[in-house]
Amino acid sequence: MRQIMLDTETTGLEWAKGERVVEIGCVEMVNRTLTGNDFHEYLNPERLMSADAERVHGLSSEFLADKPKFAEVAERFVDYVRGAELVIHNAPFDVGFLNAELARCSMAPLEEICTVVDTLKMARQMHPGKRASLDALCERYEINHAHRTLHGALLDARILADVYLAMTRGQDSLDMDFGAPEIALPNEPLVAAAPCAVRVIRASEEELAAHRDVLAQMGCAAPW
């Protein structure tokens, strides 16, 4: 199975208001093994970066000014993800932004070229009532994320790969934890069962004599 961990960074939070993608990071996994065939692009969003977004990912308008526009990498991106299963944390956010970019290029949405798995939805189902951010999942599964001081699409995609493998480790491990409930032992001390009467049936004199005859034929003396 070919899976792609995907993350994006953007100029803001709402693609419907014209915010744009500024970074795409993808990490390829085949049969649950990272291949090193990654996809990473910084993009010129053709608009100014919001201050709030820059504080999240650190990408400035000046840094992105000479980067390619999405239309310049669109076909290469689509060829890369085609037929794969995209694994995304909070998929509606990234898919919404990428579909808006694809629509500007008159290209089909992601759902028509690949499938999508949302690890945020998975985490909420697996750990109801618990925090489900990427940082929270790193802490829960003991994944080192100390280097994540700023958001970054490729960095987050690589962290997501570790998180996803930890979340789904039962698929490739015999050491599975199915969450079976523990059996409560009674608080009362164990009491030995009362001995039951055992019926003893002794051999008759005729049976003993027959047995002695068999032993004699074998050259053995009877023990009684």
Protein backbone atom coordinates (compact mmCIF):
# COMPACT_ATOMS: atom_id res chain seq x y z
CA MET A 1 0.00 0.00 0.00
CA ARG A 2 1.29 3.46 -0.92
CA GLN A 3 0.51 6.15 1.62
CA ILE A 4 1.53 9.80 1.72
CA MET A 5 1.70 11.84 4.91
CA LEU A 6 0.75 15.36 3.87
CA ASP A 7 0.76 18.78 5.50
CA THR A 8 0.46 22.36 4.27
CA GLU A 9 1.17 25.85 5.56
CA THR A 10 -0.99 28.76 4.45
CA THR A 11 -1.36 32.54 4.56
CA GLY A 12 -4.41 32.24 6.82
CA LEU A 13 -7.16 29.99 8.04
CA GLU A 14 -9.90 30.29 5.39
CA TRP A 15 -9.37 29.26 1.80
CA ALA A 16 -12.87 30.53 0.95
CA LYS A 17 -11.65 34.07 1.73
CA GLY A 18 -8.76 33.81 -0.70
CA GLU A 19 -6.02 32.59 1.64
CA ARG A 20 -3.38 30.54 -0.17
CA VAL A 21 -0.99 27.61 0.30
CA VAL A 22 2.63 28.61 0.92
CA GLU A 23 4.21 25.21 1.66
CA ILE A 24 3.44 21.59 0.81
CA GLY A 25 5.23 18.73 2.56
CA CYS A 26 4.70 15.07 1.69
CA VAL A 27 6.39 11.93 3.00
CA GLU A 28 5.91 8.66 1.12
CA MET A 29 5.38 5.34 2.86
CA VAL A 30 5.03 1.99 1.06
CA ASN A 31 3.86 -1.00 3.09
CA ARG A 32 4.42 1.02 6.27
CA THR A 33 8.05 1.78 5.40
CA LEU A 34 9.34 5.27 4.62
CA THR A 35 10.87 5.40 1.16
CA GLY A 36 12.62 8.78 1.18
CA ASN A 37 10.65 9.78 -1.92
CA ASP A 38 9.34 13.02 -0.43
CA PHE A 39 7.68 16.03 -2.05
CA HIS A 40 8.40 19.50 -0.71
CA GLU A 41 7.73 22.94 -2.13
CA TYR A 42 7.61 26.50 -0.83
CA LEU A 43 5.14 28.55 -2.86
CA ASN A 44 4.63 32.18 -3.76
CA PRO A 45 1.03 32.81 -2.61
CA GLU A 46 0.62 35.89 -4.80
CA ARG A 47 -0.61 37.82 -1.77
CA LEU A 48 0.81 39.15 1.49
CA MET A 49 1.35 36.89 4.46
CA SER A 50 -0.77 37.61 7.52
CA ALA A 51 1.13 38.39 10.71
CA ASP A 52 -0.73 35.66 12.62
CA ALA A 53 0.19 33.01 10.05
CA GLU A 54 3.82 34.10 9.95
CA ARG A 55 4.05 33.69 13.73
CA VAL A 56 2.90 30.07 13.30
CA HIS A 57 5.25 28.93 10.52
CA GLY A 58 7.83 31.71 10.20
CA LEU A 59 7.43 32.09 6.42
CA SER A 60 7.53 35.74 5.34
CA SER A 61 6.32 37.36 2.12
CA GLU A 62 9.95 38.29 1.38
CA PHE A 63 11.12 34.68 1.71
CA LEU A 64 8.34 33.40 -0.59
CA ALA A 65 8.64 36.13 -3.24
CA ASP A 66 10.96 34.15 -5.53
CA LYS A 67 9.34 30.74 -4.97
CA PRO A 68 7.22 29.03 -7.67
CA LYS A 69 3.48 29.62 -7.84
CA PHE A 70 1.17 26.68 -7.21
CA ALA A 71 0.25 26.50 -10.90
CA GLU A 72 3.90 25.81 -11.70
CA VAL A 73 4.06 22.71 -9.49
CA ALA A 74 0.43 21.55 -9.76
CA GLU A 75 0.92 18.78 -12.33
CA ARG A 76 3.98 17.42 -10.56
CA PHE A 77 2.11 17.43 -7.25
CA VAL A 78 -0.93 15.65 -8.72
CA ASP A 79 1.29 13.02 -10.38
CA TYR A 80 3.00 12.44 -7.04
CA VAL A 81 -0.18 11.84 -5.02
CA ARG A 82 -2.23 10.09 -7.71
CA GLY A 83 -3.64 6.76 -6.55
CA ALA A 84 -2.17 7.03 -3.05
CA GLU A 85 -3.87 7.17 0.32
CA LEU A 86 -3.27 10.61 1.79
CA VAL A 87 -2.85 10.64 5.56
CA ILE A 88 -3.52 14.14 6.93
CA HIS A 89 -4.04 15.55 10.42
CA ASN A 90 -7.24 17.64 10.26
CA ALA A 91 -7.75 16.69 6.62
CA PRO A 92 -10.65 19.10 5.83
CA PHE A 93 -8.31 22.06 6.36
CA ASP A 94 -5.51 20.91 4.02
CA VAL A 95 -7.83 19.31 1.46
CA GLY A 96 -9.94 22.47 1.32
CA PHE A 97 -6.90 24.63 0.60
CA LEU A 98 -5.41 22.23 -1.95
CA ASN A 99 -8.72 21.78 -3.77
CA ALA A 100 -9.06 25.55 -4.01
CA GLU A 101 -5.57 25.73 -5.53
CA LEU A 102 -6.36 22.89 -7.94
CA ALA A 103 -9.62 24.59 -8.96
CA ARG A 104 -7.67 27.73 -9.90
CA CYS A 105 -5.72 25.52 -12.28
CA SER A 106 -8.92 23.88 -13.63
CA MET A 107 -7.81 20.54 -12.19
CA ALA A 108 -9.83 17.82 -10.44
CA PRO A 109 -10.08 17.83 -6.62
CA LEU A 110 -7.97 15.48 -4.53
CA GLU A 111 -10.88 13.15 -3.79
CA GLU A 112 -10.99 12.20 -7.48
CA ILE A 113 -7.32 11.21 -7.69
CA CYS A 114 -6.63 9.63 -4.29
CA THR A 115 -8.22 8.67 -0.96
CA VAL A 116 -7.89 10.61 2.29
CA VAL A 117 -7.50 9.46 5.91
CA ASP A 118 -7.91 12.02 8.71
CA THR A 119 -5.73 11.19 11.72
CA LEU A 120 -7.44 13.87 13.82
CA LYS A 121 -10.73 12.01 13.40
CA MET A 122 -8.95 8.71 14.13
CA ALA A 123 -7.39 10.12 17.31
CA ARG A 124 -10.72 11.43 18.60
CA GLN A 125 -12.29 8.01 18.06
CA MET A 126 -9.40 6.17 19.70
CA HIS A 127 -9.01 8.59 22.63
CA PRO A 128 -12.40 10.22 23.26
CA GLY A 129 -12.26 13.30 25.44
CA LYS A 130 -8.46 13.58 25.12
CA ARG A 131 -6.45 16.25 23.32
CA ALA A 132 -5.84 15.23 19.71
CA SER A 133 -3.40 17.81 18.38
CA LEU A 134 -0.21 16.55 16.74
CA ASP A 135 1.81 17.68 19.77
CA ALA A 136 -0.57 15.88 22.13
CA LEU A 137 -0.31 12.67 20.12
CA CYS A 138 3.48 12.91 20.15
CA GLU A 139 3.34 13.07 23.93
CA ARG A 140 0.87 10.20 24.16
CA TYR A 141 2.95 7.92 21.93
CA GLU A 142 6.31 9.16 23.28
CA ILE A 143 7.51 10.58 19.96
CA ASN A 144 10.24 13.20 20.16
CA HIS A 145 9.01 16.53 18.79
CA ALA A 146 11.28 18.91 20.68
CA HIS A 147 12.59 20.27 17.36
CA ARG A 148 9.10 21.46 16.41
CA THR A 149 9.42 25.07 17.57
CA LEU A 150 7.56 26.34 14.47
CA HIS A 151 5.09 24.60 12.20
CA GLY A 152 6.56 23.38 8.92
CA ALA A 153 4.81 21.27 6.29
CA LEU A 154 7.62 18.77 5.68
CA LEU A 155 8.58 18.59 9.35
CA ASP A 156 4.98 18.02 10.40
CA ALA A 157 4.50 15.37 7.69
CA ARG A 158 7.51 13.47 9.03
CA ILE A 159 6.22 13.71 12.60
CA LEU A 160 2.79 12.60 11.37
CA ALA A 161 4.38 9.49 9.85
CA ASP A 162 5.72 8.48 13.28
CA VAL A 163 2.39 9.26 14.92
CA TYR A 164 0.40 7.30 12.33
CA LEU A 165 2.64 4.25 12.67
CA ALA A 166 2.23 4.39 16.45
CA MET A 167 -1.54 4.78 16.20
CA THR A 168 -1.83 1.80 13.86
CA ARG A 169 0.97 -0.40 15.20
CA GLY A 170 -1.44 -3.34 15.63
CA GLN A 171 -1.43 -3.75 11.84
CA ASP A 172 2.17 -4.94 11.71
CA SER A 173 2.90 -6.20 15.21
CA LEU A 174 2.01 -9.35 17.08
CA ASP A 175 2.30 -7.37 20.31
CA MET A 176 -1.19 -5.96 20.07
CA ASP A 177 -3.14 -4.15 22.73
CA PHE A 178 -6.82 -4.63 22.05
CA GLY A 179 -7.88 -2.72 25.12
CA ALA A 180 -9.45 -5.79 26.73
CA PRO A 181 -10.88 -5.00 30.17
CA GLU A 182 -8.97 -6.27 33.17
CA ILE A 183 -10.68 -9.06 35.13
CA ALA A 184 -11.37 -7.92 38.68
CA LEU A 185 -10.37 -10.45 41.31
CA PRO A 186 -12.60 -10.89 44.37
CA ASN A 187 -11.51 -9.16 47.57
CA GLU A 188 -12.48 -12.14 49.75
CA PRO A 189 -9.74 -14.69 50.55
CA LEU A 190 -9.87 -17.89 48.57
CA VAL A 191 -11.47 -20.79 50.50
CA ALA A 192 -10.41 -24.36 49.82
CA ALA A 193 -13.20 -26.58 48.58
CA ALA A 194 -14.44 -29.25 51.01
CA PRO A 195 -13.00 -32.70 50.25
CA CYS A 196 -15.42 -35.02 48.54
CA ALA A 197 -15.81 -38.73 49.32
CA VAL A 198 -13.92 -41.02 46.95
CA ARG A 199 -15.41 -44.46 46.34
CA VAL A 200 -12.75 -47.22 46.41
CA ILE A 201 -13.53 -50.47 44.57
CA ARG A 202 -11.19 -53.30 45.59
CA ALA A 203 -10.34 -56.36 43.45
CA SER A 204 -12.09 -59.62 44.33
CA GLU A 205 -10.20 -62.77 45.32
CA GLU A 206 -10.91 -64.26 41.87
CA GLU A 207 -9.46 -61.17 40.14
CA LEU A 208 -6.37 -61.23 42.38
CA ALA A 209 -5.84 -64.93 41.61
CA ALA A 210 -6.12 -64.30 37.86
CA HIS A 211 -3.61 -61.49 38.14
CA ARG A 212 -1.16 -63.71 40.03
CA ASP A 213 -1.42 -66.33 37.27
CA VAL A 214 -0.55 -63.72 34.59
CA LEU A 215 2.45 -62.53 36.63
CA ALA A 216 3.63 -66.14 37.10
CA GLN A 217 3.51 -66.74 33.35
CA MET A 218 5.72 -63.65 32.92
CA GLY A 219 8.15 -64.98 35.55
CA CYS A 220 7.23 -62.30 38.06
CA ALA A 221 6.24 -62.75 41.68
CA ALA A 222 3.13 -61.05 42.96
CA PRO A 223 3.89 -58.20 45.41
CA TRP A 224 1.29 -59.48 47.90
